[in-house]
Amino acid sequence: MLRQRRANYQAEATLLKQWHQIYHWFRMSAHCLVSGLDHLCQHQFEESLDMFTEAYNYTARLHEYQLQGQTSSPSRGLRTAHLLRL
């Protein structure tokens, strides 16, 4: 049944898959940010820097990703200025 719906509504299925990817990257960036803050509070500075770097990388992917049919990408993800400061 799901395969049939995906076949009948290919554009909607593609858009849904893209939104799922965007949400996955957002979750990963938020997880890395929280993990980095946790390491920072425990004075594990190298680990926190690694986590902040990963959070920035996922956020950069979010800002670069174009959805199908959109000319400009809306503001998504964490603020890169805050991540750079950390």
N, C-alpha and C. Protein backbone atom coordinates (compact mmCIF):
# COMPACT_ATOMS: atom_id res chain seq x y z
N MET A 1 0.82 -1.18 0.00
CA MET A 1 0.00 0.00 0.00
C MET A 1 0.88 1.27 0.00
N LEU A 2 1.93 1.26 0.81
CA LEU A 2 2.81 2.42 0.86
C LEU A 2 3.56 2.60 -0.45
N ARG A 3 4.00 1.51 -1.05
CA ARG A 3 4.69 1.59 -2.35
C ARG A 3 3.77 2.14 -3.43
N GLN A 4 2.52 1.74 -3.36
CA GLN A 4 1.54 2.22 -4.35
C GLN A 4 1.32 3.73 -4.18
N ARG A 5 1.21 4.19 -2.94
CA ARG A 5 1.03 5.63 -2.72
C ARG A 5 2.25 6.42 -3.18
N ARG A 6 3.45 5.87 -2.89
CA ARG A 6 4.67 6.55 -3.34
C ARG A 6 4.73 6.62 -4.86
N ALA A 7 4.27 5.56 -5.52
CA ALA A 7 4.27 5.55 -6.98
C ALA A 7 3.25 6.54 -7.53
N ASN A 8 2.09 6.64 -6.89
CA ASN A 8 1.04 7.54 -7.36
C ASN A 8 1.38 9.00 -7.08
N TYR A 9 2.05 9.27 -5.99
CA TYR A 9 2.37 10.64 -5.57
C TYR A 9 3.88 10.80 -5.45
N GLN A 10 4.58 10.72 -6.56
CA GLN A 10 6.03 10.74 -6.55
C GLN A 10 6.60 12.08 -6.08
N ALA A 11 6.00 13.17 -6.48
CA ALA A 11 6.51 14.49 -6.09
C ALA A 11 6.38 14.67 -4.57
N GLU A 12 5.24 14.28 -4.03
CA GLU A 12 5.03 14.40 -2.58
C GLU A 12 5.96 13.47 -1.81
N ALA A 13 6.19 12.28 -2.33
CA ALA A 13 7.09 11.33 -1.67
C ALA A 13 8.52 11.85 -1.66
N THR A 14 8.95 12.47 -2.75
CA THR A 14 10.29 13.05 -2.82
C THR A 14 10.43 14.20 -1.84
N LEU A 15 9.43 15.07 -1.77
CA LEU A 15 9.46 16.19 -0.85
C LEU A 15 9.47 15.72 0.60
N LEU A 16 8.70 14.69 0.90
CA LEU A 16 8.69 14.14 2.25
C LEU A 16 10.05 13.56 2.62
N LYS A 17 10.68 12.90 1.67
CA LYS A 17 12.01 12.34 1.92
C LYS A 17 13.02 13.46 2.18
N GLN A 18 12.91 14.55 1.45
CA GLN A 18 13.81 15.68 1.66
C GLN A 18 13.60 16.31 3.03
N TRP A 19 12.34 16.48 3.44
CA TRP A 19 12.06 17.03 4.76
C TRP A 19 12.56 16.11 5.86
N HIS A 20 12.50 14.82 5.63
CA HIS A 20 13.03 13.86 6.61
C HIS A 20 14.53 14.03 6.75
N GLN A 21 15.23 14.24 5.64
CA GLN A 21 16.68 14.45 5.68
C GLN A 21 17.01 15.73 6.43
N ILE A 22 16.26 16.79 6.17
CA ILE A 22 16.47 18.06 6.86
C ILE A 22 16.26 17.89 8.37
N TYR A 23 15.21 17.21 8.76
CA TYR A 23 14.94 17.00 10.18
C TYR A 23 16.03 16.16 10.82
N HIS A 24 16.54 15.17 10.11
CA HIS A 24 17.62 14.33 10.63
C HIS A 24 18.86 15.19 10.90
N TRP A 25 19.22 16.05 9.95
CA TRP A 25 20.39 16.90 10.15
C TRP A 25 20.17 17.87 11.31
N PHE A 26 18.95 18.38 11.46
CA PHE A 26 18.67 19.28 12.58
C PHE A 26 18.83 18.54 13.91
N ARG A 27 18.29 17.33 13.98
CA ARG A 27 18.42 16.54 15.22
C ARG A 27 19.88 16.27 15.53
N MET A 28 20.66 15.93 14.52
CA MET A 28 22.07 15.66 14.74
C MET A 28 22.81 16.91 15.20
N SER A 29 22.52 18.06 14.62
CA SER A 29 23.19 19.29 15.03
C SER A 29 22.81 19.67 16.45
N ALA A 30 21.54 19.51 16.82
CA ALA A 30 21.11 19.81 18.19
C ALA A 30 21.75 18.84 19.18
N HIS A 31 21.84 17.57 18.81
CA HIS A 31 22.48 16.58 19.67
C HIS A 31 23.95 16.92 19.90
N CYS A 32 24.64 17.27 18.84
CA CYS A 32 26.06 17.62 18.96
C CYS A 32 26.25 18.87 19.79
N LEU A 33 25.36 19.85 19.66
CA LEU A 33 25.45 21.06 20.45
C LEU A 33 25.28 20.76 21.94
N VAL A 34 24.27 20.00 22.28
CA VAL A 34 24.02 19.66 23.68
C VAL A 34 25.16 18.81 24.24
N SER A 35 25.63 17.88 23.45
CA SER A 35 26.75 17.05 23.88
C SER A 35 28.01 17.89 24.08
N GLY A 36 28.23 18.85 23.19
CA GLY A 36 29.37 19.74 23.32
C GLY A 36 29.29 20.59 24.57
N LEU A 37 28.09 21.09 24.87
CA LEU A 37 27.91 21.87 26.10
C LEU A 37 28.12 21.01 27.34
N ASP A 38 27.68 19.78 27.28
CA ASP A 38 27.88 18.86 28.40
C ASP A 38 29.37 18.61 28.63
N HIS A 39 30.10 18.37 27.56
CA HIS A 39 31.56 18.16 27.68
C HIS A 39 32.25 19.42 28.19
N LEU A 40 31.76 20.57 27.74
CA LEU A 40 32.36 21.83 28.18
C LEU A 40 32.17 22.03 29.68
N CYS A 41 30.98 21.70 30.19
CA CYS A 41 30.73 21.82 31.62
C CYS A 41 31.57 20.85 32.44
N GLN A 42 31.97 19.75 31.84
CA GLN A 42 32.81 18.76 32.52
C GLN A 42 34.30 19.02 32.28
N HIS A 43 34.63 20.17 31.69
CA HIS A 43 36.01 20.58 31.41
C HIS A 43 36.72 19.61 30.47
N GLN A 44 35.97 19.01 29.56
CA GLN A 44 36.54 18.16 28.52
C GLN A 44 36.55 18.98 27.23
N PHE A 45 37.54 19.82 27.11
CA PHE A 45 37.53 20.85 26.08
C PHE A 45 37.76 20.30 24.67
N GLU A 46 38.60 19.31 24.52
CA GLU A 46 38.82 18.75 23.18
C GLU A 46 37.57 18.07 22.66
N GLU A 47 36.89 17.31 23.53
CA GLU A 47 35.65 16.64 23.12
C GLU A 47 34.57 17.66 22.79
N SER A 48 34.49 18.73 23.58
CA SER A 48 33.46 19.73 23.32
C SER A 48 33.73 20.44 21.99
N LEU A 49 34.99 20.70 21.68
CA LEU A 49 35.33 21.33 20.40
C LEU A 49 34.93 20.43 19.23
N ASP A 50 35.17 19.13 19.37
CA ASP A 50 34.76 18.19 18.32
C ASP A 50 33.24 18.21 18.12
N MET A 51 32.49 18.24 19.22
CA MET A 51 31.03 18.25 19.13
C MET A 51 30.52 19.55 18.53
N PHE A 52 31.12 20.68 18.91
CA PHE A 52 30.71 21.96 18.34
C PHE A 52 31.02 22.02 16.84
N THR A 53 32.13 21.43 16.44
CA THR A 53 32.49 21.39 15.02
C THR A 53 31.48 20.56 14.24
N GLU A 54 31.09 19.42 14.79
CA GLU A 54 30.08 18.59 14.11
C GLU A 54 28.73 19.30 14.04
N ALA A 55 28.36 20.00 15.11
CA ALA A 55 27.10 20.76 15.09
C ALA A 55 27.15 21.82 13.99
N TYR A 56 28.29 22.47 13.84
CA TYR A 56 28.43 23.47 12.78
C TYR A 56 28.33 22.81 11.40
N ASN A 57 28.98 21.68 11.22
CA ASN A 57 28.94 21.00 9.92
C ASN A 57 27.52 20.60 9.53
N TYR A 58 26.75 20.04 10.48
CA TYR A 58 25.37 19.68 10.17
C TYR A 58 24.53 20.91 9.88
N THR A 59 24.76 21.99 10.61
CA THR A 59 24.00 23.21 10.37
C THR A 59 24.35 23.81 9.01
N ALA A 60 25.62 23.75 8.64
CA ALA A 60 26.01 24.25 7.32
C ALA A 60 25.33 23.45 6.21
N ARG A 61 25.20 22.14 6.39
CA ARG A 61 24.48 21.33 5.40
C ARG A 61 23.03 21.76 5.30
N LEU A 62 22.42 22.05 6.45
CA LEU A 62 21.02 22.49 6.44
C LEU A 62 20.84 23.78 5.66
N HIS A 63 21.75 24.71 5.84
CA HIS A 63 21.63 25.99 5.15
C HIS A 63 21.89 25.87 3.66
N GLU A 64 22.69 24.90 3.24
CA GLU A 64 23.01 24.73 1.82
C GLU A 64 21.96 23.91 1.07
N TYR A 65 21.19 23.10 1.78
CA TYR A 65 20.28 22.15 1.15
C TYR A 65 19.09 22.88 0.54
N GLN A 66 18.81 22.60 -0.71
CA GLN A 66 17.67 23.18 -1.41
C GLN A 66 16.55 22.15 -1.51
N LEU A 67 15.37 22.56 -1.12
CA LEU A 67 14.21 21.70 -1.32
C LEU A 67 13.76 21.77 -2.76
N GLN A 68 13.15 20.69 -3.21
CA GLN A 68 12.65 20.62 -4.58
C GLN A 68 11.56 21.69 -4.76
N GLY A 69 11.72 22.51 -5.79
CA GLY A 69 10.71 23.50 -6.11
C GLY A 69 10.87 24.82 -5.37
N GLN A 70 11.88 24.97 -4.53
CA GLN A 70 12.09 26.23 -3.82
C GLN A 70 13.32 26.93 -4.37
N THR A 71 13.21 28.24 -4.51
CA THR A 71 14.35 29.00 -5.03
C THR A 71 15.28 29.45 -3.91
N SER A 72 14.75 29.74 -2.75
CA SER A 72 15.61 30.13 -1.63
C SER A 72 15.30 29.24 -0.43
N SER A 73 16.33 28.96 0.35
CA SER A 73 16.12 28.09 1.50
C SER A 73 15.74 28.95 2.71
N PRO A 74 14.68 28.58 3.40
CA PRO A 74 14.30 29.32 4.60
C PRO A 74 15.31 29.10 5.72
N SER A 75 15.23 29.91 6.72
CA SER A 75 16.15 29.79 7.84
C SER A 75 15.87 28.50 8.59
N ARG A 76 16.85 27.61 8.59
CA ARG A 76 16.71 26.32 9.26
C ARG A 76 17.91 26.09 10.15
N GLY A 77 17.72 25.32 11.16
CA GLY A 77 18.84 24.88 11.98
C GLY A 77 19.25 25.90 13.01
N LEU A 78 20.41 25.66 13.56
CA LEU A 78 20.96 26.51 14.59
C LEU A 78 21.64 27.71 13.95
N ARG A 79 21.86 28.73 14.74
CA ARG A 79 22.54 29.91 14.22
C ARG A 79 24.04 29.65 14.16
N THR A 80 24.59 29.84 12.98
CA THR A 80 26.02 29.55 12.81
C THR A 80 26.88 30.53 13.60
N ALA A 81 26.43 31.75 13.79
CA ALA A 81 27.21 32.72 14.56
C ALA A 81 27.40 32.25 16.00
N HIS A 82 26.36 31.65 16.57
CA HIS A 82 26.47 31.14 17.93
C HIS A 82 27.39 29.93 18.00
N LEU A 83 27.30 29.07 16.99
CA LEU A 83 28.18 27.91 16.97
C LEU A 83 29.63 28.31 16.80
N LEU A 84 29.88 29.31 15.97
CA LEU A 84 31.26 29.77 15.78
C LEU A 84 31.82 30.38 17.06
N ARG A 85 30.97 31.04 17.81
CA ARG A 85 31.41 31.62 19.07
C ARG A 85 31.79 30.54 20.07
N LEU A 86 31.05 29.44 20.08
CA LEU A 86 31.38 28.35 20.99
C LEU A 86 32.66 27.67 20.58
